[in-house]
Amino acid sequence: MVPDLNRADYSSASPAPQALRLEVPADCAGLRLDQALARMLPEHSRNRLQHWIRAGRVLVDARPGDAKQKVWGGERVSVDAAPPPAETAQQAEEIPLSILFEDASLLVIDKPAGLVVHPGSGNWSGTLLNALLHHAPQLQALPRAGIVHRLDKDTSGLLVVAKTLQAQTDLVRQLQARTVKRHYLALVHGAVARDGTVDAPIGRHPVQRTRMAVVTRGREARTHYFVRERFADATLLECALETGRTHQIRVHMDSIGHPLAGDAAYGRRRSRNPVLAAFARQALHAWRLELVHPATGQPLGWEAPLPQDFARLLDALRAQQR
């Protein structure tokens, strides 16, 4: 990847060595440490070098360096130059993919629960993006490797990926126009009496910033739900998204008193049913996906069968009712 030299923080070395051992030359005598490093390591920006010093990644004679300290020549300097995880996140990794459809424009993936879609804090590798780059290296040229929408880590099911910039632009426009149809199967706590719609804005939780919530000034969000099957203390719903907000189904179902089974973030309701209590993730599966092919204009649709853990959960609930 070619560095953006217009950025204040760059390294032109690729890949950067993880540990550098240097001796301050005599012609750097009297300079500040950051100035000396800039002369000794011209492939790295001054901003980056100063960041490394502040982070304790630069040692001078085995002691943490200070940017303003003077050097006089002969000091032994150790620099931890390993790139931050965000800079190495978009690497190809050989991770199996369940591909339901592929042509020159599109990939449709059946994502397993547990697979993170995009690298981020705490998950800089082992993601769907890394897998896509191994499967189709040309995706490196597209923003987010062609990913146009996401599923939560512990949500399984269908996800479409664009393979060309034209397809990506078209799919984003379809999502904005709400013509992409996304249907989910969700097992929720309690008895849902009838079909319905939750029309409630969603935004960042005012206190717990890692969560979303129904908030007055949130973004418009609408979820339609349909009762598919009832159990003693749970209901299987089909949920159709009209909008696509972060954690939308999870937040909306919780807001009406029917949080998803197994949802550690929003499913605060504890079930006395051991079958429900033992389910280790939110019971949510992206079951059906419909869209218009960006190149041909043909309407397309796919369905992904329930993963084994979800199917076993439903079977166990059915067995309890016999």
Protein backbone atom coordinates (compact mmCIF):
# COMPACT_ATOMS: atom_id res chain seq x y z
CA MET A 1 0.00 0.00 0.00
CA VAL A 2 1.41 3.39 -0.99
CA PRO A 3 1.61 5.74 2.02
CA ASP A 4 -0.25 9.03 1.99
CA LEU A 5 2.61 11.45 2.40
CA ASN A 6 0.15 14.31 2.90
CA ARG A 7 -0.77 12.83 6.26
CA ALA A 8 1.15 14.04 9.30
CA ASP A 9 1.53 10.49 10.53
CA TYR A 10 3.11 8.09 8.06
CA SER A 11 5.84 5.53 7.54
CA SER A 12 7.12 4.92 4.04
CA ALA A 13 8.85 1.70 5.03
CA SER A 14 6.71 -1.32 4.13
CA PRO A 15 6.63 -3.46 6.08
CA ALA A 16 8.22 -1.67 9.05
CA PRO A 17 10.54 -3.76 11.21
CA GLN A 18 9.13 -4.43 14.63
CA ALA A 19 12.27 -3.51 16.58
CA LEU A 20 15.04 -1.11 15.62
CA ARG A 21 18.43 -0.95 17.36
CA LEU A 22 20.34 2.25 16.73
CA GLU A 23 23.35 4.17 18.01
CA VAL A 24 23.15 7.95 17.96
CA PRO A 25 25.85 9.20 15.54
CA ALA A 26 28.21 12.00 16.48
CA ASP A 27 26.66 14.42 14.00
CA CYS A 28 23.43 14.34 16.03
CA ALA A 29 25.17 15.62 19.18
CA GLY A 30 23.22 18.39 20.84
CA LEU A 31 19.92 17.60 19.12
CA ARG A 32 16.69 16.75 20.90
CA LEU A 33 15.79 13.07 20.82
CA ASP A 34 12.88 13.58 18.41
CA GLN A 35 15.12 15.64 16.09
CA ALA A 36 17.84 13.02 16.16
CA LEU A 37 15.37 10.24 15.43
CA ALA A 38 13.95 12.22 12.50
CA ARG A 39 17.46 12.41 11.05
CA MET A 40 18.24 8.76 11.78
CA LEU A 41 14.85 7.44 10.58
CA PRO A 42 13.74 9.72 7.70
CA GLU A 43 11.25 7.11 6.45
CA HIS A 44 9.03 7.88 9.47
CA SER A 45 7.21 11.17 10.05
CA ARG A 46 8.15 13.41 12.99
CA ASN A 47 4.60 13.03 14.26
CA ARG A 48 4.89 9.25 14.31
CA LEU A 49 8.27 9.33 16.03
CA GLN A 50 6.92 11.66 18.71
CA HIS A 51 3.94 9.37 19.20
CA TRP A 52 6.27 6.41 19.72
CA ILE A 53 8.26 8.38 22.27
CA ARG A 54 5.14 9.39 24.20
CA ALA A 55 3.92 5.78 24.12
CA GLY A 56 7.15 4.58 25.71
CA ARG A 57 8.21 2.74 22.57
CA VAL A 58 11.59 4.52 22.38
CA LEU A 59 14.29 3.58 24.90
CA VAL A 60 17.56 5.47 25.29
CA ASP A 61 20.21 3.38 27.01
CA ALA A 62 17.40 1.06 28.19
CA ARG A 63 15.33 3.90 29.71
CA PRO A 64 12.16 5.51 28.30
CA GLY A 65 13.09 8.47 26.17
CA ASP A 66 11.71 12.00 26.25
CA ALA A 67 11.24 13.98 23.05
CA LYS A 68 12.99 17.05 24.49
CA GLN A 69 16.00 15.31 26.00
CA LYS A 70 19.34 16.07 24.38
CA VAL A 71 21.50 13.35 22.92
CA TRP A 72 25.27 13.64 22.53
CA GLY A 73 26.23 10.69 20.37
CA GLY A 74 26.90 7.09 21.31
CA GLU A 75 23.58 6.49 23.08
CA ARG A 76 21.95 3.18 22.27
CA VAL A 77 18.38 3.68 21.12
CA SER A 78 15.72 0.97 20.80
CA VAL A 79 12.56 1.75 18.83
CA ASP A 80 9.48 -0.46 18.83
CA ALA A 81 8.34 0.30 15.27
CA ALA A 82 5.59 -2.28 14.96
CA PRO A 83 2.71 -0.68 13.06
CA PRO A 84 -0.52 -0.15 15.01
CA PRO A 85 -3.11 -2.90 14.48
CA ALA A 86 -5.37 -0.64 12.43
CA GLU A 87 -2.68 -0.30 9.76
CA THR A 88 -2.28 -4.05 9.28
CA ALA A 89 -5.94 -5.00 9.66
CA GLN A 90 -6.73 -5.26 5.96
CA GLN A 91 -4.66 -8.35 5.30
CA ALA A 92 -5.85 -11.45 3.46
CA GLU A 93 -6.42 -14.45 5.72
CA GLU A 94 -7.44 -17.96 4.73
CA ILE A 95 -10.76 -18.21 6.54
CA PRO A 96 -13.51 -20.52 5.19
CA LEU A 97 -16.53 -18.82 3.65
CA SER A 98 -19.99 -20.21 2.97
CA ILE A 99 -20.80 -18.65 -0.40
CA LEU A 100 -24.39 -18.93 -1.62
CA PHE A 101 -23.94 -16.87 -4.78
CA GLU A 102 -21.07 -15.32 -6.70
CA ASP A 103 -20.62 -13.67 -10.06
CA ALA A 104 -18.53 -10.78 -11.39
CA SER A 105 -20.54 -8.22 -9.40
CA LEU A 106 -21.70 -9.84 -6.17
CA LEU A 107 -20.90 -12.24 -3.38
CA VAL A 108 -23.62 -13.48 -1.04
CA ILE A 109 -22.25 -14.96 2.16
CA ASP A 110 -23.92 -17.07 4.84
CA LYS A 111 -22.00 -15.69 7.82
CA PRO A 112 -21.59 -17.95 10.84
CA ALA A 113 -22.18 -16.66 14.33
CA GLY A 114 -18.94 -15.60 15.98
CA LEU A 115 -17.37 -14.07 12.86
CA VAL A 116 -16.75 -10.32 13.07
CA VAL A 117 -17.54 -8.54 9.80
CA HIS A 118 -15.01 -5.69 9.84
CA PRO A 119 -11.75 -5.18 11.78
CA GLY A 120 -12.01 -2.91 14.79
CA SER A 121 -10.96 -2.49 18.37
CA GLY A 122 -10.24 -5.92 19.84
CA ASN A 123 -10.76 -7.66 16.49
CA TRP A 124 -7.99 -6.57 14.12
CA SER A 125 -7.79 -9.94 12.37
CA GLY A 126 -9.85 -13.06 11.72
CA THR A 127 -12.76 -11.07 10.29
CA LEU A 128 -15.02 -11.50 7.28
CA LEU A 129 -13.10 -8.69 5.58
CA ASN A 130 -9.83 -10.63 5.97
CA ALA A 131 -11.51 -13.72 4.54
CA LEU A 132 -12.90 -11.78 1.58
CA LEU A 133 -9.49 -10.38 0.69
CA HIS A 134 -8.11 -13.93 0.54
CA HIS A 135 -11.02 -15.17 -1.56
CA ALA A 136 -11.05 -12.19 -3.94
CA PRO A 137 -7.85 -10.09 -3.67
CA GLN A 138 -9.26 -7.45 -6.03
CA LEU A 139 -11.56 -6.34 -3.21
CA GLN A 140 -8.55 -4.55 -1.71
CA ALA A 141 -9.29 -1.75 -4.19
CA LEU A 142 -12.83 -1.19 -2.85
CA PRO A 143 -13.85 0.73 0.28
CA ARG A 144 -14.36 -1.75 3.13
CA ALA A 145 -13.53 -4.55 0.67
CA GLY A 146 -16.98 -4.25 -0.89
CA ILE A 147 -18.93 -4.67 2.35
CA VAL A 148 -22.09 -2.55 2.21
CA HIS A 149 -23.93 -3.67 5.36
CA ARG A 150 -23.04 -5.61 8.49
CA LEU A 151 -24.26 -8.25 10.85
CA ASP A 152 -23.32 -8.31 14.52
CA LYS A 153 -20.60 -10.78 15.48
CA ASP A 154 -23.04 -13.23 17.06
CA THR A 155 -25.76 -12.86 14.41
CA SER A 156 -25.70 -15.47 11.67
CA GLY A 157 -26.98 -15.36 8.12
CA LEU A 158 -27.00 -13.53 4.81
CA LEU A 159 -24.76 -10.67 3.86
CA VAL A 160 -24.10 -9.24 0.37
CA VAL A 161 -20.69 -7.97 -0.76
CA ALA A 162 -19.98 -5.94 -3.89
CA LYS A 163 -17.10 -7.01 -6.13
CA THR A 164 -16.91 -3.82 -8.21
CA LEU A 165 -17.17 -0.13 -7.38
CA GLN A 166 -20.22 0.14 -9.65
CA ALA A 167 -21.95 -2.67 -7.79
CA GLN A 168 -21.03 -1.20 -4.41
CA THR A 169 -22.43 2.21 -5.34
CA ASP A 170 -25.64 0.64 -6.63
CA LEU A 171 -26.12 -1.52 -3.53
CA VAL A 172 -25.58 1.45 -1.22
CA ARG A 173 -28.23 3.35 -3.16
CA GLN A 174 -30.61 0.40 -2.89
CA LEU A 175 -30.06 0.29 0.86
CA GLN A 176 -30.67 4.04 1.12
CA ALA A 177 -33.85 3.67 -0.97
CA ARG A 178 -34.92 0.77 1.30
CA THR A 179 -35.47 -1.56 -1.63
CA VAL A 180 -33.16 -4.25 -0.22
CA LYS A 181 -35.38 -6.65 1.72
CA ARG A 182 -33.84 -8.20 4.83
CA HIS A 183 -35.80 -10.72 6.86
CA TYR A 184 -34.57 -12.23 10.11
CA LEU A 185 -35.68 -15.02 12.40
CA ALA A 186 -35.55 -14.00 16.04
CA LEU A 187 -36.43 -15.96 19.17
CA VAL A 188 -37.62 -13.58 21.86
CA HIS A 189 -38.58 -13.98 25.50
CA GLY A 190 -42.25 -14.05 26.40
CA ALA A 191 -45.49 -14.49 24.51
CA VAL A 192 -45.90 -12.04 21.62
CA ALA A 193 -49.65 -11.71 21.15
CA ARG A 194 -49.81 -10.63 17.51
CA ASP A 195 -47.90 -9.26 14.53
CA GLY A 196 -46.82 -5.66 14.80
CA THR A 197 -44.40 -2.85 14.01
CA VAL A 198 -41.94 -1.02 16.21
CA ASP A 199 -41.50 2.54 14.95
CA ALA A 200 -39.02 4.11 17.37
CA PRO A 201 -35.83 6.14 16.76
CA ILE A 202 -32.51 4.55 17.70
CA GLY A 203 -29.34 6.27 18.84
CA ARG A 204 -26.39 5.82 21.16
CA HIS A 205 -27.35 4.93 24.71
CA PRO A 206 -27.02 8.11 26.81
CA VAL A 207 -25.01 6.37 29.53
CA GLN A 208 -23.69 3.05 28.21
CA ARG A 209 -21.93 4.26 25.08
CA THR A 210 -21.25 0.78 23.68
CA ARG A 211 -24.99 0.14 23.45
CA MET A 212 -27.80 1.55 21.36
CA ALA A 213 -31.22 2.53 22.67
CA VAL A 214 -34.58 4.01 21.71
CA VAL A 215 -33.93 7.73 22.18
CA THR A 216 -35.98 10.78 21.21
CA ARG A 217 -33.27 12.31 19.04
CA GLY A 218 -32.17 9.05 17.46
CA ARG A 219 -32.38 8.10 13.81
CA GLU A 220 -35.61 6.86 12.33
CA ALA A 221 -35.95 3.09 12.76
CA ARG A 222 -38.78 0.76 11.84
CA THR A 223 -39.06 -3.02 12.35
CA HIS A 224 -42.03 -5.14 11.28
CA TYR A 225 -42.47 -8.47 13.08
CA PHE A 226 -44.64 -11.51 12.46
CA VAL A 227 -45.33 -14.41 14.82
CA ARG A 228 -44.01 -17.66 13.34
CA GLU A 229 -44.23 -20.06 16.28
CA ARG A 230 -45.09 -19.89 19.96
CA PHE A 231 -43.51 -21.78 22.85
CA ALA A 232 -44.25 -21.89 26.57
CA ASP A 233 -42.16 -18.81 27.41
CA ALA A 234 -40.74 -17.66 24.07
CA THR A 235 -41.89 -16.67 20.58
CA LEU A 236 -40.22 -17.17 17.22
CA LEU A 237 -40.62 -14.03 15.10
CA GLU A 238 -39.87 -13.12 11.54
CA CYS A 239 -38.56 -9.55 11.53
CA ALA A 240 -38.43 -7.38 8.43
CA LEU A 241 -36.20 -4.31 8.49
CA GLU A 242 -37.50 -1.15 6.88
CA THR A 243 -34.40 0.71 8.11
CA GLY A 244 -30.99 -0.64 9.05
CA ARG A 245 -29.78 0.86 12.31
CA THR A 246 -27.10 -0.66 14.50
CA HIS A 247 -28.58 -3.44 16.68
CA GLN A 248 -32.03 -2.46 15.42
CA ILE A 249 -33.92 -5.70 16.02
CA ARG A 250 -32.22 -6.29 19.35
CA VAL A 251 -33.05 -2.77 20.59
CA HIS A 252 -36.60 -2.72 19.25
CA MET A 253 -37.56 -6.10 20.67
CA ASP A 254 -36.12 -5.16 24.05
CA SER A 255 -38.05 -1.88 23.95
CA ILE A 256 -41.40 -3.71 23.77
CA GLY A 257 -40.49 -6.12 26.57
CA HIS A 258 -39.44 -9.06 24.40
CA PRO A 259 -35.62 -9.12 24.31
CA LEU A 260 -33.87 -11.75 22.23
CA ALA A 261 -32.97 -15.01 23.90
CA GLY A 262 -29.26 -15.23 24.63
CA ASP A 263 -28.62 -11.50 24.10
CA ALA A 264 -26.01 -10.53 26.68
CA ALA A 265 -26.26 -6.80 25.89
CA TYR A 266 -30.01 -6.29 25.60
CA GLY A 267 -31.56 -9.53 26.86
CA ARG A 268 -31.38 -8.68 30.53
CA ARG A 269 -34.43 -10.83 31.24
CA ARG A 270 -33.32 -14.12 32.79
CA SER A 271 -35.31 -17.18 31.82
CA ARG A 272 -36.15 -19.95 34.24
CA ASN A 273 -36.22 -22.27 31.26
CA PRO A 274 -32.79 -23.95 31.20
CA VAL A 275 -32.96 -24.40 27.42
CA LEU A 276 -33.24 -20.66 26.86
CA ALA A 277 -30.80 -19.78 29.63
CA ALA A 278 -28.11 -22.00 28.12
CA PHE A 279 -28.18 -20.40 24.65
CA ALA A 280 -24.85 -18.60 24.33
CA ARG A 281 -25.60 -15.87 21.76
CA GLN A 282 -28.47 -13.70 20.62
CA ALA A 283 -30.99 -15.90 18.81
CA LEU A 284 -30.98 -13.88 15.59
CA HIS A 285 -30.47 -15.16 12.04
CA ALA A 286 -30.52 -13.15 8.81
CA TRP A 287 -32.75 -15.59 6.98
CA ARG A 288 -33.79 -13.99 3.70
CA LEU A 289 -32.23 -11.31 1.46
CA GLU A 290 -33.75 -9.74 -1.66
CA LEU A 291 -32.22 -7.12 -3.96
CA VAL A 292 -31.89 -6.05 -7.58
CA HIS A 293 -28.72 -7.20 -9.33
CA PRO A 294 -26.60 -4.06 -9.91
CA ALA A 295 -25.51 -5.10 -13.42
CA THR A 296 -28.50 -6.99 -14.84
CA GLY A 297 -31.40 -5.34 -13.06
CA GLN A 298 -32.79 -8.79 -12.24
CA PRO A 299 -34.56 -9.25 -8.88
CA LEU A 300 -32.72 -11.85 -6.80
CA GLY A 301 -33.39 -13.53 -3.49
CA TRP A 302 -31.68 -16.02 -1.20
CA GLU A 303 -32.53 -17.92 1.96
CA ALA A 304 -30.07 -19.29 4.51
CA PRO A 305 -31.10 -22.29 6.63
CA LEU A 306 -30.96 -21.93 10.39
CA PRO A 307 -27.53 -22.76 11.82
CA GLN A 308 -27.33 -25.89 13.91
CA ASP A 309 -27.29 -24.18 17.31
CA PHE A 310 -30.45 -22.18 16.54
CA ALA A 311 -32.21 -25.20 15.03
CA ARG A 312 -31.34 -27.33 18.08
CA LEU A 313 -32.68 -24.60 20.36
CA LEU A 314 -36.06 -24.62 18.59
CA ASP A 315 -36.20 -28.41 18.59
CA ALA A 316 -35.55 -28.47 22.33
CA LEU A 317 -38.35 -25.93 22.94
CA ARG A 318 -40.73 -27.97 20.81
CA ALA A 319 -39.83 -31.10 22.75
CA GLN A 320 -40.73 -29.37 26.00
CA GLN A 321 -44.28 -28.85 24.72
CA ARG A 322 -44.99 -32.47 23.84
